[in-house]
Amino acid sequence: ELEAAAREWLKGSGLEVRVMTHHCDYRNSDATLEERMAVV
């Protein structure tokens, strides 16, 4: 509901909307420290 309100608010602004998240899942990951820091 917040994303929908934000899109309505930004309508006609000419700005691209990028939807992003901090949800990740490293529970079964073998990603290295370097790879994880690159994501950050």
PDB file of all heavy atoms in Angstrom:
ATOM      1  N   GLU A   1       0.827  -1.214   0.000  1.00  0.00           N
ATOM      2  CA  GLU A   1       0.000   0.000   0.000  1.00  0.00           C
ATOM      3  C   GLU A   1       0.861   1.263   0.000  1.00  0.00           C
ATOM      4  O   GLU A   1       0.491   2.286  -0.572  1.00  0.00           O
ATOM      5  CB  GLU A   1      -0.953   0.002   1.189  1.00  0.00           C
ATOM      6  CG  GLU A   1      -0.294  -0.038   2.564  1.00  0.00           C
ATOM      7  CD  GLU A   1      -0.065  -1.450   3.069  1.00  0.00           C
ATOM      8  OE1 GLU A   1       0.048  -2.370   2.236  1.00  0.00           O
ATOM      9  OE2 GLU A   1      -0.005  -1.629   4.314  1.00  0.00           O
ATOM     10  N   LEU A   2       2.043   1.190   0.609  1.00  0.00           N
ATOM     11  CA  LEU A   2       2.951   2.336   0.606  1.00  0.00           C
ATOM     12  C   LEU A   2       3.607   2.498  -0.762  1.00  0.00           C
ATOM     13  O   LEU A   2       3.773   3.622  -1.250  1.00  0.00           O
ATOM     14  CB  LEU A   2       4.018   2.161   1.684  1.00  0.00           C
ATOM     15  CG  LEU A   2       3.541   2.242   3.129  1.00  0.00           C
ATOM     16  CD1 LEU A   2       4.641   1.826   4.096  1.00  0.00           C
ATOM     17  CD2 LEU A   2       3.066   3.658   3.463  1.00  0.00           C
ATOM     18  N   GLU A   3       3.975   1.379  -1.379  1.00  0.00           N
ATOM     19  CA  GLU A   3       4.556   1.457  -2.713  1.00  0.00           C
ATOM     20  C   GLU A   3       3.553   2.027  -3.709  1.00  0.00           C
ATOM     21  O   GLU A   3       3.903   2.867  -4.566  1.00  0.00           O
ATOM     22  CB  GLU A   3       5.024   0.082  -3.171  1.00  0.00           C
ATOM     23  CG  GLU A   3       5.687   0.122  -4.541  1.00  0.00           C
ATOM     24  CD  GLU A   3       6.084  -1.248  -5.052  1.00  0.00           C
ATOM     25  OE1 GLU A   3       6.381  -2.126  -4.229  1.00  0.00           O
ATOM     26  OE2 GLU A   3       6.097  -1.444  -6.292  1.00  0.00           O
ATOM     27  N   ALA A   4       2.294   1.604  -3.596  1.00  0.00           N
ATOM     28  CA  ALA A   4       1.257   2.113  -4.491  1.00  0.00           C
ATOM     29  C   ALA A   4       1.082   3.622  -4.299  1.00  0.00           C
ATOM     30  O   ALA A   4       0.962   4.375  -5.282  1.00  0.00           O
ATOM     31  CB  ALA A   4      -0.063   1.395  -4.228  1.00  0.00           C
ATOM     32  N   ALA A   5       1.088   4.060  -3.040  1.00  0.00           N
ATOM     33  CA  ALA A   5       0.959   5.497  -2.756  1.00  0.00           C
ATOM     34  C   ALA A   5       2.166   6.263  -3.288  1.00  0.00           C
ATOM     35  O   ALA A   5       2.031   7.382  -3.810  1.00  0.00           O
ATOM     36  CB  ALA A   5       0.811   5.715  -1.249  1.00  0.00           C
ATOM     37  N   ALA A   6       3.341   5.667  -3.181  1.00  0.00           N
ATOM     38  CA  ALA A   6       4.556   6.329  -3.670  1.00  0.00           C
ATOM     39  C   ALA A   6       4.524   6.467  -5.191  1.00  0.00           C
ATOM     40  O   ALA A   6       4.894   7.511  -5.750  1.00  0.00           O
ATOM     41  CB  ALA A   6       5.784   5.540  -3.230  1.00  0.00           C
ATOM     42  N   ARG A   7       4.083   5.431  -5.866  1.00  0.00           N
ATOM     43  CA  ARG A   7       4.008   5.498  -7.327  1.00  0.00           C
ATOM     44  C   ARG A   7       3.006   6.568  -7.777  1.00  0.00           C
ATOM     45  O   ARG A   7       3.238   7.283  -8.757  1.00  0.00           O
ATOM     46  CB  ARG A   7       3.626   4.128  -7.894  1.00  0.00           C
ATOM     47  CG  ARG A   7       4.738   3.088  -7.783  1.00  0.00           C
ATOM     48  CD  ARG A   7       4.350   1.782  -8.437  1.00  0.00           C
ATOM     49  NE  ARG A   7       5.403   0.780  -8.372  1.00  0.00           N
ATOM     50  CZ  ARG A   7       6.440   0.707  -9.205  1.00  0.00           C
ATOM     51  NH1 ARG A   7       6.542   1.593 -10.191  1.00  0.00           N
ATOM     52  NH2 ARG A   7       7.354  -0.244  -9.073  1.00  0.00           N
ATOM     53  N   GLU A   8       1.897   6.661  -7.058  1.00  0.00           N
ATOM     54  CA  GLU A   8       0.908   7.700  -7.382  1.00  0.00           C
ATOM     55  C   GLU A   8       1.508   9.081  -7.155  1.00  0.00           C
ATOM     56  O   GLU A   8       1.313  10.001  -7.952  1.00  0.00           O
ATOM     57  CB  GLU A   8      -0.327   7.497  -6.507  1.00  0.00           C
ATOM     58  CG  GLU A   8      -1.463   8.470  -6.791  1.00  0.00           C
ATOM     59  CD  GLU A   8      -2.045   8.300  -8.183  1.00  0.00           C
ATOM     60  OE1 GLU A   8      -1.965   7.169  -8.743  1.00  0.00           O
ATOM     61  OE2 GLU A   8      -2.579   9.303  -8.720  1.00  0.00           O
ATOM     62  N   TRP A   9       2.226   9.228  -6.064  1.00  0.00           N
ATOM     63  CA  TRP A   9       2.872  10.498  -5.713  1.00  0.00           C
ATOM     64  C   TRP A   9       3.920  10.905  -6.755  1.00  0.00           C
ATOM     65  O   TRP A   9       4.060  12.086  -7.093  1.00  0.00           O
ATOM     66  CB  TRP A   9       3.508  10.335  -4.329  1.00  0.00           C
ATOM     67  CG  TRP A   9       4.320  11.467  -3.809  1.00  0.00           C
ATOM     68  CD1 TRP A   9       3.992  12.792  -3.789  1.00  0.00           C
ATOM     69  CD2 TRP A   9       5.615  11.380  -3.200  1.00  0.00           C
ATOM     70  NE1 TRP A   9       4.989  13.535  -3.196  1.00  0.00           N
ATOM     71  CE2 TRP A   9       6.001  12.686  -2.824  1.00  0.00           C
ATOM     72  CE3 TRP A   9       6.465  10.312  -2.909  1.00  0.00           C
ATOM     73  CZ2 TRP A   9       7.213  12.955  -2.185  1.00  0.00           C
ATOM     74  CZ3 TRP A   9       7.669  10.583  -2.266  1.00  0.00           C
ATOM     75  CH2 TRP A   9       8.039  11.887  -1.921  1.00  0.00           C
ATOM     76  N   LEU A  10       4.642   9.921  -7.304  1.00  0.00           N
ATOM     77  CA  LEU A  10       5.723  10.195  -8.244  1.00  0.00           C
ATOM     78  C   LEU A  10       5.256  10.247  -9.697  1.00  0.00           C
ATOM     79  O   LEU A  10       6.057  10.558 -10.590  1.00  0.00           O
ATOM     80  CB  LEU A  10       6.806   9.108  -8.109  1.00  0.00           C
ATOM     81  CG  LEU A  10       7.563   9.083  -6.775  1.00  0.00           C
ATOM     82  CD1 LEU A  10       8.340   7.786  -6.620  1.00  0.00           C
ATOM     83  CD2 LEU A  10       8.488  10.287  -6.670  1.00  0.00           C
ATOM     84  N   LYS A  11       3.978   9.968  -9.927  1.00  0.00           N
ATOM     85  CA  LYS A  11       3.452   9.945 -11.288  1.00  0.00           C
ATOM     86  C   LYS A  11       3.660  11.313 -11.960  1.00  0.00           C
ATOM     87  O   LYS A  11       3.340  12.358 -11.395  1.00  0.00           O
ATOM     88  CB  LYS A  11       1.968   9.591 -11.274  1.00  0.00           C
ATOM     89  CG  LYS A  11       1.378   9.321 -12.647  1.00  0.00           C
ATOM     90  CD  LYS A  11      -0.093   8.942 -12.535  1.00  0.00           C
ATOM     91  CE  LYS A  11      -0.273   7.622 -11.804  1.00  0.00           C
ATOM     92  NZ  LYS A  11      -1.710   7.220 -11.766  1.00  0.00           N
ATOM     93  N   GLY A  12       4.215  11.300 -13.151  1.00  0.00           N
ATOM     94  CA  GLY A  12       4.438  12.532 -13.888  1.00  0.00           C
ATOM     95  C   GLY A  12       5.698  13.273 -13.510  1.00  0.00           C
ATOM     96  O   GLY A  12       5.990  14.347 -14.061  1.00  0.00           O
ATOM     97  N   SER A  13       6.475  12.723 -12.579  1.00  0.00           N
ATOM     98  CA  SER A  13       7.698  13.407 -12.132  1.00  0.00           C
ATOM     99  C   SER A  13       8.839  13.264 -13.132  1.00  0.00           C
ATOM    100  O   SER A  13       9.803  14.046 -13.087  1.00  0.00           O
ATOM    101  CB  SER A  13       8.146  12.844 -10.787  1.00  0.00           C
ATOM    102  OG  SER A  13       8.557  11.486 -10.922  1.00  0.00           O
ATOM    103  N   GLY A  14       8.755  12.264 -14.007  1.00  0.00           N
ATOM    104  CA  GLY A  14       9.848  12.021 -14.939  1.00  0.00           C
ATOM    105  C   GLY A  14      10.981  11.218 -14.327  1.00  0.00           C
ATOM    106  O   GLY A  14      11.996  10.975 -14.997  1.00  0.00           O
ATOM    107  N   LEU A  15      10.823  10.796 -13.077  1.00  0.00           N
ATOM    108  CA  LEU A  15      11.864  10.037 -12.395  1.00  0.00           C
ATOM    109  C   LEU A  15      11.581   8.540 -12.485  1.00  0.00           C
ATOM    110  O   LEU A  15      10.446   8.095 -12.341  1.00  0.00           O
ATOM    111  CB  LEU A  15      11.933  10.446 -10.914  1.00  0.00           C
ATOM    112  CG  LEU A  15      12.364  11.898 -10.625  1.00  0.00           C
ATOM    113  CD1 LEU A  15      12.105  12.231  -9.165  1.00  0.00           C
ATOM    114  CD2 LEU A  15      13.841  12.089 -10.974  1.00  0.00           C
ATOM    115  N   GLU A  16      12.629   7.792 -12.737  1.00  0.00           N
ATOM    116  CA  GLU A  16      12.502   6.335 -12.722  1.00  0.00           C
ATOM    117  C   GLU A  16      12.270   5.860 -11.284  1.00  0.00           C
ATOM    118  O   GLU A  16      12.852   6.411 -10.339  1.00  0.00           O
ATOM    119  CB  GLU A  16      13.792   5.704 -13.267  1.00  0.00           C
ATOM    120  CG  GLU A  16      13.817   4.184 -13.200  1.00  0.00           C
ATOM    121  CD  GLU A  16      15.194   3.606 -13.461  1.00  0.00           C
ATOM    122  OE1 GLU A  16      16.121   4.371 -13.828  1.00  0.00           O
ATOM    123  OE2 GLU A  16      15.356   2.377 -13.256  1.00  0.00           O
ATOM    124  N   VAL A  17      11.422   4.873 -11.134  1.00  0.00           N
ATOM    125  CA  VAL A  17      11.162   4.290  -9.810  1.00  0.00           C
ATOM    126  C   VAL A  17      11.887   2.949  -9.722  1.00  0.00           C
ATOM    127  O   VAL A  17      11.614   2.034 -10.496  1.00  0.00           O
ATOM    128  CB  VAL A  17       9.651   4.096  -9.564  1.00  0.00           C
ATOM    129  CG1 VAL A  17       9.424   3.393  -8.224  1.00  0.00           C
ATOM    130  CG2 VAL A  17       8.937   5.441  -9.593  1.00  0.00           C
ATOM    131  N   ARG A  18      12.808   2.841  -8.752  1.00  0.00           N
ATOM    132  CA  ARG A  18      13.523   1.595  -8.532  1.00  0.00           C
ATOM    133  C   ARG A  18      13.060   0.988  -7.198  1.00  0.00           C
ATOM    134  O   ARG A  18      13.274   1.574  -6.137  1.00  0.00           O
ATOM    135  CB  ARG A  18      15.033   1.815  -8.509  1.00  0.00           C
ATOM    136  CG  ARG A  18      15.592   2.288  -9.832  1.00  0.00           C
ATOM    137  CD  ARG A  18      17.110   2.329  -9.835  1.00  0.00           C
ATOM    138  NE  ARG A  18      17.613   2.849 -11.101  1.00  0.00           N
ATOM    139  CZ  ARG A  18      18.907   3.022 -11.390  1.00  0.00           C
ATOM    140  NH1 ARG A  18      19.834   2.692 -10.480  1.00  0.00           N
ATOM    141  NH2 ARG A  18      19.278   3.516 -12.561  1.00  0.00           N
ATOM    142  N   VAL A  19      12.434  -0.159  -7.274  1.00  0.00           N
ATOM    143  CA  VAL A  19      11.976  -0.858  -6.071  1.00  0.00           C
ATOM    144  C   VAL A  19      13.102  -1.776  -5.610  1.00  0.00           C
ATOM    145  O   VAL A  19      13.556  -2.646  -6.363  1.00  0.00           O
ATOM    146  CB  VAL A  19      10.695  -1.659  -6.353  1.00  0.00           C
ATOM    147  CG1 VAL A  19      10.275  -2.450  -5.120  1.00  0.00           C
ATOM    148  CG2 VAL A  19       9.583  -0.712  -6.786  1.00  0.00           C
ATOM    149  N   MET A  20      13.538  -1.588  -4.376  1.00  0.00           N
ATOM    150  CA  MET A  20      14.681  -2.336  -3.860  1.00  0.00           C
ATOM    151  C   MET A  20      14.327  -2.973  -2.520  1.00  0.00           C
ATOM    152  O   MET A  20      13.323  -2.627  -1.896  1.00  0.00           O
ATOM    153  CB  MET A  20      15.895  -1.405  -3.714  1.00  0.00           C
ATOM    154  CG  MET A  20      16.329  -0.774  -5.026  1.00  0.00           C
ATOM    155  SD  MET A  20      17.690   0.405  -4.841  1.00  0.00           S
ATOM    156  CE  MET A  20      18.997  -0.682  -4.239  1.00  0.00           C
ATOM    157  N   THR A  21      15.165  -3.894  -2.088  1.00  0.00           N
ATOM    158  CA  THR A  21      14.917  -4.590  -0.824  1.00  0.00           C
ATOM    159  C   THR A  21      16.224  -4.922  -0.120  1.00  0.00           C
ATOM    160  O   THR A  21      17.270  -5.081  -0.770  1.00  0.00           O
ATOM    161  CB  THR A  21      14.122  -5.884  -1.058  1.00  0.00           C
ATOM    162  OG1 THR A  21      13.856  -6.499   0.209  1.00  0.00           O
ATOM    163  CG2 THR A  21      14.901  -6.867  -1.926  1.00  0.00           C
ATOM    164  N   HIS A  22      16.142  -4.999   1.202  1.00  0.00           N
ATOM    165  CA  HIS A  22      17.263  -5.494   2.001  1.00  0.00           C
ATOM    166  C   HIS A  22      17.075  -6.950   2.386  1.00  0.00           C
ATOM    167  O   HIS A  22      17.895  -7.513   3.108  1.00  0.00           O
ATOM    168  CB  HIS A  22      17.436  -4.647   3.271  1.00  0.00           C
ATOM    169  CG  HIS A  22      18.265  -3.425   3.041  1.00  0.00           C
ATOM    170  ND1 HIS A  22      18.905  -2.753   4.057  1.00  0.00           N
ATOM    171  CD2 HIS A  22      18.574  -2.743   1.900  1.00  0.00           C
ATOM    172  CE1 HIS A  22      19.557  -1.714   3.561  1.00  0.00           C
ATOM    173  NE2 HIS A  22      19.361  -1.693   2.257  1.00  0.00           N
ATOM    174  N   HIS A  23      15.998  -7.570   1.914  1.00  0.00           N
ATOM    175  CA  HIS A  23      15.812  -8.996   2.164  1.00  0.00           C
ATOM    176  C   HIS A  23      16.846  -9.778   1.352  1.00  0.00           C
ATOM    177  O   HIS A  23      17.013  -9.564   0.154  1.00  0.00           O
ATOM    178  CB  HIS A  23      14.404  -9.445   1.756  1.00  0.00           C
ATOM    179  CG  HIS A  23      13.327  -8.887   2.626  1.00  0.00           C
ATOM    180  ND1 HIS A  23      13.211  -9.211   3.957  1.00  0.00           N
ATOM    181  CD2 HIS A  23      12.329  -8.010   2.361  1.00  0.00           C
ATOM    182  CE1 HIS A  23      12.177  -8.565   4.478  1.00  0.00           C
ATOM    183  NE2 HIS A  23      11.631  -7.821   3.534  1.00  0.00           N
ATOM    184  N   CYS A  24      17.534 -10.668   2.021  1.00  0.00           N
ATOM    185  CA  CYS A  24      18.502 -11.543   1.363  1.00  0.00           C
ATOM    186  C   CYS A  24      18.443 -12.883   2.088  1.00  0.00           C
ATOM    187  O   CYS A  24      17.740 -13.025   3.086  1.00  0.00           O
ATOM    188  CB  CYS A  24      19.917 -10.947   1.410  1.00  0.00           C
ATOM    189  SG  CYS A  24      20.526 -10.655   3.098  1.00  0.00           S
ATOM    190  N   ASP A  25      19.174 -13.845   1.620  1.00  0.00           N
ATOM    191  CA  ASP A  25      19.153 -15.156   2.266  1.00  0.00           C
ATOM    192  C   ASP A  25      20.515 -15.817   2.110  1.00  0.00           C
ATOM    193  O   ASP A  25      20.825 -16.404   1.078  1.00  0.00           O
ATOM    194  CB  ASP A  25      18.059 -16.042   1.669  1.00  0.00           C
ATOM    195  CG  ASP A  25      17.805 -17.286   2.517  1.00  0.00           C
ATOM    196  OD1 ASP A  25      18.617 -17.564   3.413  1.00  0.00           O
ATOM    197  OD2 ASP A  25      16.804 -17.971   2.273  1.00  0.00           O
ATOM    198  N   TYR A  26      21.318 -15.690   3.158  1.00  0.00           N
ATOM    199  CA  TYR A  26      22.641 -16.308   3.162  1.00  0.00           C
ATOM    200  C   TYR A  26      22.668 -17.567   4.025  1.00  0.00           C
ATOM    201  O   TYR A  26      23.746 -18.031   4.410  1.00  0.00           O
ATOM    202  CB  TYR A  26      23.683 -15.307   3.686  1.00  0.00           C
ATOM    203  CG  TYR A  26      24.030 -14.218   2.688  1.00  0.00           C
ATOM    204  CD1 TYR A  26      23.716 -12.890   2.936  1.00  0.00           C
ATOM    205  CD2 TYR A  26      24.702 -14.524   1.509  1.00  0.00           C
ATOM    206  CE1 TYR A  26      24.040 -11.888   2.039  1.00  0.00           C
ATOM    207  CE2 TYR A  26      25.037 -13.530   0.598  1.00  0.00           C
ATOM    208  CZ  TYR A  26      24.703 -12.213   0.869  1.00  0.00           C
ATOM    209  OH  TYR A  26      25.037 -11.222  -0.032  1.00  0.00           O
ATOM    210  N   ARG A  27      21.492 -18.125   4.345  1.00  0.00           N
ATOM    211  CA  ARG A  27      21.448 -19.276   5.249  1.00  0.00           C
ATOM    212  C   ARG A  27      22.180 -20.489   4.686  1.00  0.00           C
ATOM    213  O   ARG A  27      22.792 -21.242   5.437  1.00  0.00           O
ATOM    214  CB  ARG A  27      19.992 -19.637   5.565  1.00  0.00           C
ATOM    215  CG  ARG A  27      19.305 -18.648   6.503  1.00  0.00           C
ATOM    216  CD  ARG A  27      17.850 -18.979   6.674  1.00  0.00           C
ATOM    217  NE  ARG A  27      17.110 -18.852   5.422  1.00  0.00           N
ATOM    218  CZ  ARG A  27      15.813 -19.104   5.295  1.00  0.00           C
ATOM    219  NH1 ARG A  27      15.122 -19.517   6.351  1.00  0.00           N
ATOM    220  NH2 ARG A  27      15.207 -18.963   4.136  1.00  0.00           N
ATOM    221  N   ASN A  28      22.108 -20.684   3.383  1.00  0.00           N
ATOM    222  CA  ASN A  28      22.790 -21.829   2.765  1.00  0.00           C
ATOM    223  C   ASN A  28      23.757 -21.355   1.682  1.00  0.00           C
ATOM    224  O   ASN A  28      24.017 -22.073   0.717  1.00  0.00           O
ATOM    225  CB  ASN A  28      21.765 -22.800   2.174  1.00  0.00           C
ATOM    226  CG  ASN A  28      20.844 -23.377   3.227  1.00  0.00           C
ATOM    227  OD1 ASN A  28      21.298 -23.995   4.184  1.00  0.00           O
ATOM    228  ND2 ASN A  28      19.542 -23.167   3.073  1.00  0.00           N
ATOM    229  N   SER A  29      24.285 -20.180   1.885  1.00  0.00           N
ATOM    230  CA  SER A  29      25.121 -19.568   0.858  1.00  0.00           C
ATOM    231  C   SER A  29      26.599 -19.810   1.133  1.00  0.00           C
ATOM    232  O   SER A  29      27.038 -19.862   2.284  1.00  0.00           O
ATOM    233  CB  SER A  29      24.858 -18.059   0.798  1.00  0.00           C
ATOM    234  OG  SER A  29      25.779 -17.424  -0.060  1.00  0.00           O
ATOM    235  N   ASP A  30      27.373 -19.953   0.059  1.00  0.00           N
ATOM    236  CA  ASP A  30      28.827 -20.042   0.185  1.00  0.00           C
ATOM    237  C   ASP A  30      29.490 -18.778  -0.364  1.00  0.00           C
ATOM    238  O   ASP A  30      30.674 -18.781  -0.725  1.00  0.00           O
ATOM    239  CB  ASP A  30      29.357 -21.279  -0.542  1.00  0.00           C
ATOM    240  CG  ASP A  30      28.981 -21.303  -2.026  1.00  0.00           C
ATOM    241  OD1 ASP A  30      28.288 -20.375  -2.481  1.00  0.00           O
ATOM    242  OD2 ASP A  30      29.389 -22.264  -2.720  1.00  0.00           O
ATOM    243  N   ALA A  31      28.732 -17.680  -0.397  1.00  0.00           N
ATOM    244  CA  ALA A  31      29.273 -16.410  -0.881  1.00  0.00           C
ATOM    245  C   ALA A  31      30.453 -15.973  -0.011  1.00  0.00           C
ATOM    246  O   ALA A  31      30.411 -16.082   1.220  1.00  0.00           O
ATOM    247  CB  ALA A  31      28.188 -15.333  -0.874  1.00  0.00           C
ATOM    248  N   THR A  32      31.495 -15.494  -0.636  1.00  0.00           N
ATOM    249  CA  THR A  32      32.684 -15.047   0.093  1.00  0.00           C
ATOM    250  C   THR A  32      32.436 -13.665   0.701  1.00  0.00           C
ATOM    251  O   THR A  32      31.478 -12.964   0.334  1.00  0.00           O
ATOM    252  CB  THR A  32      33.894 -14.963  -0.838  1.00  0.00           C
ATOM    253  OG1 THR A  32      33.643 -13.939  -1.829  1.00  0.00           O
ATOM    254  CG2 THR A  32      34.141 -16.298  -1.533  1.00  0.00           C
ATOM    255  N   LEU A  33      33.315 -13.275   1.610  1.00  0.00           N
ATOM    256  CA  LEU A  33      33.237 -11.936   2.194  1.00  0.00           C
ATOM    257  C   LEU A  33      33.303 -10.877   1.098  1.00  0.00           C
ATOM    258  O   LEU A  33      32.539  -9.900   1.112  1.00  0.00           O
ATOM    259  CB  LEU A  33      34.385 -11.743   3.187  1.00  0.00           C
ATOM    260  CG  LEU A  33      34.572 -10.327   3.738  1.00  0.00           C
ATOM    261  CD1 LEU A  33      33.360  -9.896   4.555  1.00  0.00           C
ATOM    262  CD2 LEU A  33      35.850 -10.249   4.579  1.00  0.00           C
ATOM    263  N   GLU A  34      34.202 -11.076   0.146  1.00  0.00           N
ATOM    264  CA  GLU A  34      34.363 -10.107  -0.944  1.00  0.00           C
ATOM    265  C   GLU A  34      33.079  -9.985  -1.758  1.00  0.00           C
ATOM    266  O   GLU A  34      32.672  -8.876  -2.144  1.00  0.00           O
ATOM    267  CB  GLU A  34      35.527 -10.508  -1.840  1.00  0.00           C
ATOM    268  CG  GLU A  34      36.900 -10.384  -1.205  1.00  0.00           C
ATOM    269  CD  GLU A  34      37.191 -11.498  -0.190  1.00  0.00           C
ATOM    270  OE1 GLU A  34      36.493 -12.527  -0.222  1.00  0.00           O
ATOM    271  OE2 GLU A  34      38.110 -11.306   0.629  1.00  0.00           O
ATOM    272  N   GLU A  35      32.433 -11.101  -2.024  1.00  0.00           N
ATOM    273  CA  GLU A  35      31.193 -11.084  -2.807  1.00  0.00           C
ATOM    274  C   GLU A  35      30.074 -10.389  -2.036  1.00  0.00           C
ATOM    275  O   GLU A  35      29.305  -9.606  -2.616  1.00  0.00           O
ATOM    276  CB  GLU A  35      30.785 -12.513  -3.164  1.00  0.00           C
ATOM    277  CG  GLU A  35      31.697 -13.163  -4.200  1.00  0.00           C
ATOM    278  CD  GLU A  35      31.455 -14.648  -4.351  1.00  0.00           C
ATOM    279  OE1 GLU A  35      30.883 -15.275  -3.428  1.00  0.00           O
ATOM    280  OE2 GLU A  35      31.842 -15.205  -5.404  1.00  0.00           O
ATOM    281  N   ARG A  36      29.983 -10.647  -0.754  1.00  0.00           N
ATOM    282  CA  ARG A  36      28.937 -10.013   0.049  1.00  0.00           C
ATOM    283  C   ARG A  36      29.177  -8.511   0.188  1.00  0.00           C
ATOM    284  O   ARG A  36      28.235  -7.716   0.133  1.00  0.00           O
ATOM    285  CB  ARG A  36      28.845 -10.702   1.408  1.00  0.00           C
ATOM    286  CG  ARG A  36      28.227 -12.090   1.292  1.00  0.00           C
ATOM    287  CD  ARG A  36      28.260 -12.874   2.571  1.00  0.00           C
ATOM    288  NE  ARG A  36      27.471 -12.283   3.641  1.00  0.00           N
ATOM    289  CZ  ARG A  36      26.988 -12.967   4.674  1.00  0.00           C
ATOM    290  NH1 ARG A  36      27.202 -14.279   4.759  1.00  0.00           N
ATOM    291  NH2 ARG A  36      26.293 -12.378   5.621  1.00  0.00           N
ATOM    292  N   MET A  37      30.420  -8.111   0.345  1.00  0.00           N
ATOM    293  CA  MET A  37      30.718  -6.689   0.446  1.00  0.00           C
ATOM    294  C   MET A  37      30.477  -5.976  -0.893  1.00  0.00           C
ATOM    295  O   MET A  37      30.116  -4.790  -0.927  1.00  0.00           O
ATOM    296  CB  MET A  37      32.159  -6.472   0.907  1.00  0.00           C
ATOM    297  CG  MET A  37      32.426  -6.937   2.345  1.00  0.00           C
ATOM    298  SD  MET A  37      31.426  -6.104   3.626  1.00  0.00           S
ATOM    299  CE  MET A  37      30.083  -7.287   3.879  1.00  0.00           C
ATOM    300  N   ALA A  38      30.653  -6.702  -1.991  1.00  0.00           N
ATOM    301  CA  ALA A  38      30.367  -6.125  -3.314  1.00  0.00           C
ATOM    302  C   ALA A  38      28.877  -5.851  -3.465  1.00  0.00           C
ATOM    303  O   ALA A  38      28.475  -4.838  -4.072  1.00  0.00           O
ATOM    304  CB  ALA A  38      30.853  -7.066  -4.412  1.00  0.00           C
ATOM    305  N   VAL A  39      28.031  -6.745  -2.924  1.00  0.00           N
ATOM    306  CA  VAL A  39      26.576  -6.516  -2.950  1.00  0.00           C
ATOM    307  C   VAL A  39      26.236  -5.259  -2.167  1.00  0.00           C
ATOM    308  O   VAL A  39      25.427  -4.432  -2.598  1.00  0.00           O
ATOM    309  CB  VAL A  39      25.833  -7.739  -2.372  1.00  0.00           C
ATOM    310  CG1 VAL A  39      24.348  -7.425  -2.203  1.00  0.00           C
ATOM    311  CG2 VAL A  39      26.012  -8.951  -3.273  1.00  0.00           C
ATOM    312  N   VAL A  40      26.852  -5.104  -1.005  1.00  0.00           N
ATOM    313  CA  VAL A  40      26.609  -3.905  -0.181  1.00  0.00           C
ATOM    314  C   VAL A  40      27.018  -2.653  -0.945  1.00  0.00           C
ATOM    315  O   VAL A  40      26.268  -1.668  -1.002  1.00  0.00           O
ATOM    316  CB  VAL A  40      27.392  -3.999   1.142  1.00  0.00           C
ATOM    317  CG1 VAL A  40      27.348  -2.668   1.883  1.00  0.00           C
ATOM    318  CG2 VAL A  40      26.820  -5.099   2.025  1.00  0.00           C
TER     319      VAL A  40
END
